[in-house]
Amino acid sequence: MNEMIEETETADTDEKRTHLLKNILVIGAYLKRRSNLVVLSDKDALLEARELELSIGESMNNLETCGIACAFLSELTEPVLSVHLIAVYDFFEEITERSLDCMSSIMVLAGKKQHTLFCMIDTDSHADFSDLASDTVSAAQDEDGEWKLSLRLDMGGDGK
C-alpha cells in the first residue's frame, strides 16, 4: 500500500494515478474488513453471516466507485465458522483484484446447501481464472466470455 501511495505522487499521467488510487481503495477496504474478521474470529470460532455481508458490501461500494456494477445476495442466516467466512471473502477478493482493470460487472451469491457453504461469482472479467480450479473451486468461462466461479466448503456434519 505504501508503495502504491508513493507511486500516486510520482505518477506521470492522470490515468496511472487514477489506476493506483482505485487499487488502493479496493485493497484498503479488503485489508480493513479482513482484519476485522480475523480479530472477531480470535474471540469466537463462529461469526454471524452479517459480517460477510458487511465485508463484501463495503468492498462492492468501493468497486462501484471505480465504475464496476455490483450485486450481492447472501442466503446465509446462521452463524458460520470464521475460517469459512474468511475463505469466502478471500475468494471474492482474489477475483476482484485480478479483475479490477478488466471487468465492468460482478455478481456474488453466498449461501449454504446441506453441509456445504458456497460462494458463486459471475463476472465479465477478461482475466484468466482457470488456474484457480481445484477440489473446492470451479472456474469456467461461458460462450459469452463471462466467468462462472464457485467456491464450495464442507461445513461438516452439523453444518457449521
N, C-alpha and C. Protein backbone atom coordinates (compact mmCIF):
# COMPACT_ATOMS: atom_id res chain seq x y z
N MET A 1 0.83 -1.18 0.00
CA MET A 1 0.00 0.00 0.00
C MET A 1 0.88 1.25 0.00
N ASN A 2 1.91 1.24 0.83
CA ASN A 2 2.79 2.41 0.89
C ASN A 2 3.43 2.69 -0.46
N GLU A 3 3.84 1.62 -1.13
CA GLU A 3 4.45 1.80 -2.45
C GLU A 3 3.46 2.40 -3.43
N MET A 4 2.22 1.92 -3.39
CA MET A 4 1.22 2.47 -4.30
C MET A 4 0.92 3.93 -3.98
N ILE A 5 0.87 4.26 -2.71
CA ILE A 5 0.63 5.65 -2.31
C ILE A 5 1.76 6.54 -2.82
N GLU A 6 3.01 6.08 -2.64
CA GLU A 6 4.15 6.85 -3.14
C GLU A 6 4.11 6.99 -4.65
N GLU A 7 3.69 5.92 -5.33
CA GLU A 7 3.61 5.95 -6.80
C GLU A 7 2.58 6.97 -7.28
N THR A 8 1.51 7.17 -6.52
CA THR A 8 0.50 8.16 -6.94
C THR A 8 1.10 9.56 -6.99
N GLU A 9 2.05 9.83 -6.11
CA GLU A 9 2.67 11.15 -6.05
C GLU A 9 3.62 11.39 -7.21
N THR A 10 4.13 10.31 -7.79
CA THR A 10 5.08 10.47 -8.90
C THR A 10 4.52 10.00 -10.24
N ALA A 11 3.25 9.61 -10.24
CA ALA A 11 2.65 9.12 -11.49
C ALA A 11 2.73 10.19 -12.56
N ASP A 12 3.14 9.77 -13.76
CA ASP A 12 3.34 10.73 -14.84
C ASP A 12 2.07 11.05 -15.63
N THR A 13 1.01 10.28 -15.39
CA THR A 13 -0.26 10.57 -16.07
C THR A 13 -1.42 10.48 -15.08
N ASP A 14 -2.49 11.18 -15.39
CA ASP A 14 -3.69 11.10 -14.56
C ASP A 14 -4.26 9.68 -14.60
N GLU A 15 -4.14 9.02 -15.74
CA GLU A 15 -4.65 7.66 -15.88
C GLU A 15 -3.94 6.71 -14.92
N LYS A 16 -2.62 6.83 -14.84
CA LYS A 16 -1.84 5.97 -13.93
C LYS A 16 -2.19 6.29 -12.48
N ARG A 17 -2.33 7.55 -12.15
CA ARG A 17 -2.68 7.95 -10.78
C ARG A 17 -4.06 7.41 -10.41
N THR A 18 -5.02 7.53 -11.33
CA THR A 18 -6.37 7.02 -11.09
C THR A 18 -6.34 5.51 -10.90
N HIS A 19 -5.59 4.82 -11.72
CA HIS A 19 -5.44 3.36 -11.60
C HIS A 19 -4.92 2.99 -10.21
N LEU A 20 -3.88 3.66 -9.76
CA LEU A 20 -3.31 3.38 -8.45
C LEU A 20 -4.30 3.68 -7.32
N LEU A 21 -5.01 4.79 -7.43
CA LEU A 21 -5.98 5.15 -6.40
C LEU A 21 -7.12 4.13 -6.31
N LYS A 22 -7.56 3.61 -7.45
CA LYS A 22 -8.59 2.57 -7.45
C LYS A 22 -8.09 1.33 -6.73
N ASN A 23 -6.86 0.94 -7.03
CA ASN A 23 -6.29 -0.23 -6.36
C ASN A 23 -6.18 -0.01 -4.85
N ILE A 24 -5.75 1.17 -4.46
CA ILE A 24 -5.63 1.49 -3.03
C ILE A 24 -7.00 1.43 -2.36
N LEU A 25 -8.00 1.97 -3.02
CA LEU A 25 -9.36 1.98 -2.47
C LEU A 25 -9.87 0.57 -2.24
N VAL A 26 -9.73 -0.29 -3.23
CA VAL A 26 -10.25 -1.65 -3.13
C VAL A 26 -9.42 -2.49 -2.16
N ILE A 27 -8.12 -2.43 -2.26
CA ILE A 27 -7.26 -3.22 -1.37
C ILE A 27 -7.37 -2.72 0.07
N GLY A 28 -7.50 -1.42 0.25
CA GLY A 28 -7.65 -0.86 1.59
C GLY A 28 -8.90 -1.37 2.29
N ALA A 29 -10.01 -1.43 1.56
CA ALA A 29 -11.26 -1.95 2.15
C ALA A 29 -11.08 -3.42 2.52
N TYR A 30 -10.42 -4.18 1.64
CA TYR A 30 -10.19 -5.60 1.92
C TYR A 30 -9.34 -5.76 3.18
N LEU A 31 -8.25 -5.03 3.29
CA LEU A 31 -7.38 -5.15 4.46
C LEU A 31 -8.13 -4.81 5.74
N LYS A 32 -8.92 -3.76 5.70
CA LYS A 32 -9.70 -3.34 6.87
C LYS A 32 -10.69 -4.43 7.26
N ARG A 33 -11.49 -4.88 6.30
CA ARG A 33 -12.54 -5.86 6.59
C ARG A 33 -11.97 -7.23 6.95
N ARG A 34 -10.92 -7.65 6.27
CA ARG A 34 -10.34 -8.96 6.60
C ARG A 34 -9.73 -8.93 7.98
N SER A 35 -9.06 -7.84 8.32
CA SER A 35 -8.51 -7.69 9.67
C SER A 35 -9.61 -7.79 10.71
N ASN A 36 -10.74 -7.15 10.44
CA ASN A 36 -11.87 -7.21 11.35
C ASN A 36 -12.35 -8.65 11.52
N LEU A 37 -12.45 -9.40 10.42
CA LEU A 37 -12.88 -10.79 10.51
C LEU A 37 -11.90 -11.62 11.34
N VAL A 38 -10.61 -11.37 11.17
CA VAL A 38 -9.60 -12.12 11.92
C VAL A 38 -9.70 -11.80 13.41
N VAL A 39 -9.84 -10.53 13.74
CA VAL A 39 -9.96 -10.14 15.16
C VAL A 39 -11.21 -10.76 15.77
N LEU A 40 -12.32 -10.72 15.04
CA LEU A 40 -13.56 -11.33 15.55
C LEU A 40 -13.40 -12.84 15.70
N SER A 41 -12.68 -13.47 14.79
CA SER A 41 -12.50 -14.93 14.85
C SER A 41 -11.64 -15.32 16.04
N ASP A 42 -10.77 -14.42 16.49
CA ASP A 42 -9.97 -14.71 17.69
C ASP A 42 -10.85 -14.78 18.93
N LYS A 43 -11.97 -14.09 18.89
CA LYS A 43 -12.91 -14.07 20.02
C LYS A 43 -13.90 -15.22 19.97
N ASP A 44 -14.27 -15.63 18.76
CA ASP A 44 -15.31 -16.64 18.60
C ASP A 44 -15.08 -17.39 17.29
N ALA A 45 -15.14 -18.70 17.35
CA ALA A 45 -14.94 -19.52 16.15
C ALA A 45 -16.11 -19.40 15.17
N LEU A 46 -17.27 -18.97 15.66
CA LEU A 46 -18.44 -18.77 14.82
C LEU A 46 -18.69 -17.29 14.66
N LEU A 47 -18.98 -16.88 13.43
CA LEU A 47 -19.30 -15.47 13.15
C LEU A 47 -20.68 -15.39 12.53
N GLU A 48 -21.36 -14.30 12.82
CA GLU A 48 -22.65 -14.04 12.20
C GLU A 48 -22.44 -13.84 10.70
N ALA A 49 -23.36 -14.34 9.91
CA ALA A 49 -23.28 -14.19 8.46
C ALA A 49 -23.24 -12.72 8.06
N ARG A 50 -23.80 -11.86 8.88
CA ARG A 50 -23.83 -10.42 8.62
C ARG A 50 -22.42 -9.86 8.43
N GLU A 51 -21.43 -10.45 9.08
CA GLU A 51 -20.05 -9.97 8.93
C GLU A 51 -19.55 -10.12 7.50
N LEU A 52 -19.94 -11.21 6.85
CA LEU A 52 -19.58 -11.38 5.43
C LEU A 52 -20.31 -10.36 4.58
N GLU A 53 -21.57 -10.14 4.87
CA GLU A 53 -22.36 -9.15 4.12
C GLU A 53 -21.75 -7.76 4.25
N LEU A 54 -21.33 -7.40 5.45
CA LEU A 54 -20.71 -6.08 5.64
C LEU A 54 -19.38 -5.98 4.90
N SER A 55 -18.61 -7.05 4.92
CA SER A 55 -17.30 -7.04 4.27
C SER A 55 -17.43 -6.93 2.75
N ILE A 56 -18.22 -7.81 2.17
CA ILE A 56 -18.40 -7.77 0.72
C ILE A 56 -19.12 -6.49 0.31
N GLY A 57 -20.06 -6.05 1.13
CA GLY A 57 -20.79 -4.81 0.84
C GLY A 57 -19.87 -3.61 0.75
N GLU A 58 -18.96 -3.48 1.71
CA GLU A 58 -18.03 -2.34 1.67
C GLU A 58 -17.11 -2.44 0.46
N SER A 59 -16.62 -3.64 0.18
CA SER A 59 -15.77 -3.81 -0.99
C SER A 59 -16.52 -3.43 -2.26
N MET A 60 -17.77 -3.84 -2.35
CA MET A 60 -18.56 -3.53 -3.55
C MET A 60 -18.87 -2.04 -3.65
N ASN A 61 -19.06 -1.37 -2.55
CA ASN A 61 -19.24 0.09 -2.60
C ASN A 61 -18.02 0.74 -3.25
N ASN A 62 -16.85 0.26 -2.90
CA ASN A 62 -15.63 0.82 -3.49
C ASN A 62 -15.48 0.42 -4.95
N LEU A 63 -15.89 -0.80 -5.31
CA LEU A 63 -15.85 -1.21 -6.71
C LEU A 63 -16.80 -0.34 -7.54
N GLU A 64 -17.96 -0.02 -6.98
CA GLU A 64 -18.90 0.84 -7.69
C GLU A 64 -18.32 2.24 -7.89
N THR A 65 -17.54 2.72 -6.92
CA THR A 65 -16.85 3.99 -7.07
C THR A 65 -15.88 3.94 -8.25
N CYS A 66 -15.36 2.75 -8.52
CA CYS A 66 -14.44 2.53 -9.64
C CYS A 66 -15.19 2.29 -10.95
N GLY A 67 -16.51 2.38 -10.93
CA GLY A 67 -17.30 2.22 -12.15
C GLY A 67 -17.71 0.79 -12.47
N ILE A 68 -17.60 -0.11 -11.50
CA ILE A 68 -17.95 -1.51 -11.71
C ILE A 68 -19.33 -1.77 -11.12
N ALA A 69 -20.22 -2.32 -11.91
CA ALA A 69 -21.57 -2.67 -11.44
C ALA A 69 -21.48 -3.91 -10.55
N CYS A 70 -22.13 -3.85 -9.40
CA CYS A 70 -22.02 -4.94 -8.42
C CYS A 70 -23.39 -5.38 -7.93
N ALA A 71 -23.49 -6.66 -7.62
CA ALA A 71 -24.69 -7.20 -6.99
C ALA A 71 -24.24 -8.30 -6.03
N PHE A 72 -24.88 -8.34 -4.88
CA PHE A 72 -24.54 -9.33 -3.86
C PHE A 72 -25.80 -9.81 -3.18
N LEU A 73 -25.94 -11.12 -3.07
CA LEU A 73 -27.05 -11.72 -2.36
C LEU A 73 -26.48 -12.77 -1.43
N SER A 74 -26.85 -12.67 -0.17
CA SER A 74 -26.46 -13.68 0.81
C SER A 74 -27.70 -14.40 1.29
N GLU A 75 -27.66 -15.71 1.19
CA GLU A 75 -28.73 -16.55 1.70
C GLU A 75 -28.37 -17.14 3.06
N LEU A 76 -27.25 -16.69 3.62
CA LEU A 76 -26.79 -17.19 4.91
C LEU A 76 -27.60 -16.53 6.03
N THR A 77 -28.11 -17.34 6.93
CA THR A 77 -28.92 -16.82 8.02
C THR A 77 -28.40 -17.22 9.39
N GLU A 78 -27.51 -18.19 9.43
CA GLU A 78 -26.99 -18.70 10.70
C GLU A 78 -25.50 -18.41 10.82
N PRO A 79 -24.97 -18.41 12.04
CA PRO A 79 -23.53 -18.24 12.22
C PRO A 79 -22.75 -19.31 11.46
N VAL A 80 -21.57 -18.94 11.02
CA VAL A 80 -20.70 -19.82 10.22
C VAL A 80 -19.30 -19.78 10.82
N LEU A 81 -18.57 -20.87 10.67
CA LEU A 81 -17.19 -20.88 11.14
C LEU A 81 -16.43 -19.69 10.54
N SER A 82 -15.70 -19.02 11.38
CA SER A 82 -14.98 -17.82 10.94
C SER A 82 -14.00 -18.14 9.82
N VAL A 83 -13.33 -19.29 9.89
CA VAL A 83 -12.37 -19.64 8.84
C VAL A 83 -13.08 -19.76 7.49
N HIS A 84 -14.32 -20.19 7.49
CA HIS A 84 -15.07 -20.31 6.24
C HIS A 84 -15.47 -18.93 5.71
N LEU A 85 -15.91 -18.04 6.61
CA LEU A 85 -16.27 -16.69 6.15
C LEU A 85 -15.04 -15.98 5.58
N ILE A 86 -13.92 -16.14 6.24
CA ILE A 86 -12.68 -15.52 5.76
C ILE A 86 -12.30 -16.11 4.41
N ALA A 87 -12.45 -17.42 4.24
CA ALA A 87 -12.12 -18.06 2.96
C ALA A 87 -13.01 -17.53 1.84
N VAL A 88 -14.30 -17.31 2.13
CA VAL A 88 -15.21 -16.76 1.12
C VAL A 88 -14.78 -15.34 0.75
N TYR A 89 -14.46 -14.52 1.75
CA TYR A 89 -14.04 -13.15 1.48
C TYR A 89 -12.73 -13.12 0.71
N ASP A 90 -11.80 -14.00 1.05
CA ASP A 90 -10.53 -14.09 0.32
C ASP A 90 -10.77 -14.49 -1.14
N PHE A 91 -11.68 -15.42 -1.37
CA PHE A 91 -12.02 -15.86 -2.73
C PHE A 91 -12.58 -14.68 -3.53
N PHE A 92 -13.53 -13.95 -2.94
CA PHE A 92 -14.09 -12.76 -3.58
C PHE A 92 -12.98 -11.76 -3.91
N GLU A 93 -12.09 -11.53 -2.98
CA GLU A 93 -11.03 -10.54 -3.19
C GLU A 93 -10.05 -10.98 -4.27
N GLU A 94 -9.75 -12.27 -4.33
CA GLU A 94 -8.86 -12.78 -5.38
C GLU A 94 -9.44 -12.46 -6.75
N ILE A 95 -10.71 -12.72 -6.93
CA ILE A 95 -11.37 -12.43 -8.21
C ILE A 95 -11.35 -10.93 -8.47
N THR A 96 -11.65 -10.16 -7.47
CA THR A 96 -11.72 -8.71 -7.60
C THR A 96 -10.37 -8.10 -7.99
N GLU A 97 -9.33 -8.46 -7.26
CA GLU A 97 -8.02 -7.86 -7.53
C GLU A 97 -7.50 -8.25 -8.91
N ARG A 98 -7.76 -9.45 -9.34
CA ARG A 98 -7.32 -9.86 -10.68
C ARG A 98 -8.10 -9.12 -11.77
N SER A 99 -9.30 -8.64 -11.42
CA SER A 99 -10.22 -8.10 -12.43
C SER A 99 -10.37 -6.60 -12.41
N LEU A 100 -9.79 -5.94 -11.47
CA LEU A 100 -10.06 -4.52 -11.26
C LEU A 100 -9.96 -3.70 -12.53
N ASP A 101 -9.00 -4.00 -13.37
CA ASP A 101 -8.81 -3.22 -14.59
C ASP A 101 -9.48 -3.82 -15.83
N CYS A 102 -10.17 -4.95 -15.65
CA CYS A 102 -10.70 -5.60 -16.84
C CYS A 102 -12.09 -6.19 -16.63
N MET A 103 -12.88 -5.58 -15.77
CA MET A 103 -14.27 -6.02 -15.62
C MET A 103 -15.17 -4.81 -15.46
N SER A 104 -16.42 -4.99 -15.85
CA SER A 104 -17.39 -3.91 -15.66
C SER A 104 -18.53 -4.36 -14.76
N SER A 105 -18.57 -5.67 -14.43
CA SER A 105 -19.62 -6.14 -13.52
C SER A 105 -19.18 -7.38 -12.76
N ILE A 106 -19.77 -7.53 -11.57
CA ILE A 106 -19.54 -8.71 -10.74
C ILE A 106 -20.80 -8.97 -9.93
N MET A 107 -21.19 -10.23 -9.90
CA MET A 107 -22.35 -10.65 -9.11
C MET A 107 -21.91 -11.78 -8.20
N VAL A 108 -22.33 -11.70 -6.93
CA VAL A 108 -21.91 -12.69 -5.93
C VAL A 108 -23.13 -13.24 -5.21
N LEU A 109 -23.16 -14.54 -5.04
CA LEU A 109 -24.19 -15.21 -4.27
C LEU A 109 -23.49 -16.10 -3.25
N ALA A 110 -23.84 -15.92 -1.98
CA ALA A 110 -23.30 -16.77 -0.92
C ALA A 110 -24.45 -17.48 -0.23
N GLY A 111 -24.25 -18.74 0.10
CA GLY A 111 -25.30 -19.48 0.76
C GLY A 111 -24.82 -20.81 1.28
N LYS A 112 -25.77 -21.60 1.72
CA LYS A 112 -25.47 -22.91 2.28
C LYS A 112 -26.48 -23.90 1.74
N LYS A 113 -26.00 -25.04 1.29
CA LYS A 113 -26.85 -26.14 0.86
C LYS A 113 -26.38 -27.36 1.61
N GLN A 114 -27.30 -27.95 2.37
CA GLN A 114 -26.98 -29.08 3.22
C GLN A 114 -25.80 -28.71 4.09
N HIS A 115 -24.67 -29.37 3.92
CA HIS A 115 -23.50 -29.10 4.77
C HIS A 115 -22.38 -28.42 4.00
N THR A 116 -22.75 -27.68 2.97
CA THR A 116 -21.75 -27.01 2.13
C THR A 116 -22.01 -25.52 2.07
N LEU A 117 -20.99 -24.75 2.39
CA LEU A 117 -21.03 -23.30 2.23
C LEU A 117 -20.55 -23.02 0.81
N PHE A 118 -21.25 -22.15 0.10
CA PHE A 118 -20.82 -21.85 -1.26
C PHE A 118 -20.80 -20.35 -1.52
N CYS A 119 -19.97 -19.98 -2.46
CA CYS A 119 -19.91 -18.61 -2.97
C CYS A 119 -19.78 -18.72 -4.48
N MET A 120 -20.76 -18.19 -5.19
CA MET A 120 -20.73 -18.21 -6.65
C MET A 120 -20.54 -16.78 -7.15
N ILE A 121 -19.62 -16.62 -8.08
CA ILE A 121 -19.30 -15.31 -8.63
C ILE A 121 -19.41 -15.37 -10.14
N ASP A 122 -20.15 -14.42 -10.70
CA ASP A 122 -20.22 -14.23 -12.15
C ASP A 122 -19.61 -12.88 -12.45
N THR A 123 -18.72 -12.86 -13.43
CA THR A 123 -18.10 -11.59 -13.81
C THR A 123 -17.77 -11.58 -15.30
N ASP A 124 -17.78 -10.39 -15.87
CA ASP A 124 -17.41 -10.23 -17.27
C ASP A 124 -15.92 -9.94 -17.42
N SER A 125 -15.16 -10.27 -16.41
CA SER A 125 -13.72 -10.02 -16.39
C SER A 125 -13.02 -10.66 -17.58
N HIS A 126 -11.98 -9.99 -18.06
CA HIS A 126 -11.14 -10.53 -19.12
C HIS A 126 -9.93 -11.26 -18.56
N ALA A 127 -9.85 -11.34 -17.23
CA ALA A 127 -8.76 -12.08 -16.59
C ALA A 127 -8.96 -13.58 -16.81
N ASP A 128 -7.90 -14.32 -16.63
CA ASP A 128 -7.97 -15.78 -16.75
C ASP A 128 -7.97 -16.38 -15.35
N PHE A 129 -9.03 -17.09 -15.02
CA PHE A 129 -9.17 -17.69 -13.69
C PHE A 129 -9.01 -19.21 -13.72
N SER A 130 -8.65 -19.76 -14.85
CA SER A 130 -8.57 -21.22 -14.97
C SER A 130 -7.60 -21.83 -13.97
N ASP A 131 -6.58 -21.08 -13.56
CA ASP A 131 -5.61 -21.61 -12.61
C ASP A 131 -6.17 -21.76 -11.20
N LEU A 132 -7.36 -21.21 -10.93
CA LEU A 132 -7.97 -21.33 -9.61
C LEU A 132 -8.67 -22.67 -9.41
N ALA A 133 -8.95 -23.37 -10.49
CA ALA A 133 -9.69 -24.63 -10.40
C ALA A 133 -8.98 -25.61 -9.47
N SER A 134 -9.77 -26.20 -8.57
CA SER A 134 -9.23 -27.14 -7.59
C SER A 134 -10.38 -28.02 -7.08
N ASP A 135 -10.13 -28.73 -6.00
CA ASP A 135 -11.18 -29.55 -5.41
C ASP A 135 -12.32 -28.70 -4.86
N THR A 136 -12.02 -27.47 -4.45
CA THR A 136 -13.04 -26.61 -3.84
C THR A 136 -13.50 -25.47 -4.75
N VAL A 137 -12.78 -25.22 -5.82
CA VAL A 137 -13.11 -24.09 -6.71
C VAL A 137 -13.36 -24.59 -8.12
N SER A 138 -14.46 -24.13 -8.70
CA SER A 138 -14.68 -24.37 -10.13
C SER A 138 -14.59 -23.02 -10.84
N ALA A 139 -14.02 -23.05 -12.03
CA ALA A 139 -13.83 -21.83 -12.82
C ALA A 139 -14.07 -22.17 -14.27
N ALA A 140 -15.13 -21.59 -14.83
CA ALA A 140 -15.47 -21.87 -16.22
C ALA A 140 -15.91 -20.58 -16.91
N GLN A 141 -15.53 -20.47 -18.16
CA GLN A 141 -15.90 -19.32 -18.97
C GLN A 141 -17.01 -19.77 -19.92
N ASP A 142 -18.10 -18.99 -19.98
CA ASP A 142 -19.21 -19.37 -20.86
C ASP A 142 -18.97 -18.86 -22.28
N GLU A 143 -19.92 -19.14 -23.17
CA GLU A 143 -19.77 -18.78 -24.58
C GLU A 143 -19.69 -17.27 -24.82
N ASP A 144 -20.17 -16.47 -23.87
CA ASP A 144 -20.09 -15.02 -23.99
C ASP A 144 -18.81 -14.45 -23.39
N GLY A 145 -17.96 -15.32 -22.85
CA GLY A 145 -16.71 -14.88 -22.26
C GLY A 145 -16.82 -14.53 -20.79
N GLU A 146 -17.99 -14.68 -20.21
CA GLU A 146 -18.16 -14.39 -18.78
C GLU A 146 -17.70 -15.58 -17.95
N TRP A 147 -17.14 -15.26 -16.79
CA TRP A 147 -16.65 -16.30 -15.90
C TRP A 147 -17.70 -16.66 -14.87
N LYS A 148 -17.83 -17.95 -14.63
CA LYS A 148 -18.67 -18.52 -13.58
C LYS A 148 -17.71 -19.22 -12.63
N LEU A 149 -17.59 -18.66 -11.44
CA LEU A 149 -16.65 -19.20 -10.47
C LEU A 149 -17.41 -19.60 -9.21
N SER A 150 -16.99 -20.67 -8.58
CA SER A 150 -17.64 -21.04 -7.33
C SER A 150 -16.64 -21.67 -6.37
N LEU A 151 -16.87 -21.36 -5.12
CA LEU A 151 -16.11 -21.93 -4.02
C LEU A 151 -17.09 -22.74 -3.19
N ARG A 152 -16.71 -23.97 -2.88
CA ARG A 152 -17.56 -24.83 -2.05
C ARG A 152 -16.73 -25.38 -0.90
N LEU A 153 -17.24 -25.15 0.32
CA LEU A 153 -16.53 -25.58 1.52
C LEU A 153 -17.42 -26.51 2.34
N ASP A 154 -16.88 -27.67 2.69
CA ASP A 154 -17.60 -28.63 3.53
C ASP A 154 -17.68 -28.05 4.94
N MET A 155 -18.89 -27.92 5.44
CA MET A 155 -19.09 -27.35 6.78
C MET A 155 -19.18 -28.42 7.85
N GLY A 156 -19.02 -29.67 7.49
CA GLY A 156 -19.11 -30.74 8.48
C GLY A 156 -20.54 -31.18 8.71
N GLY A 157 -20.68 -32.21 9.49
CA GLY A 157 -21.98 -32.82 9.74
C GLY A 157 -23.00 -31.92 10.41
N ASP A 158 -22.56 -30.97 11.25
CA ASP A 158 -23.53 -30.11 11.93
C ASP A 158 -23.84 -28.85 11.13
N GLY A 159 -23.20 -28.69 9.96
CA GLY A 159 -23.48 -27.55 9.10
C GLY A 159 -22.75 -26.28 9.48
N LYS A 160 -21.86 -26.34 10.46
CA LYS A 160 -21.13 -25.12 10.87
C LYS A 160 -19.67 -25.23 10.57
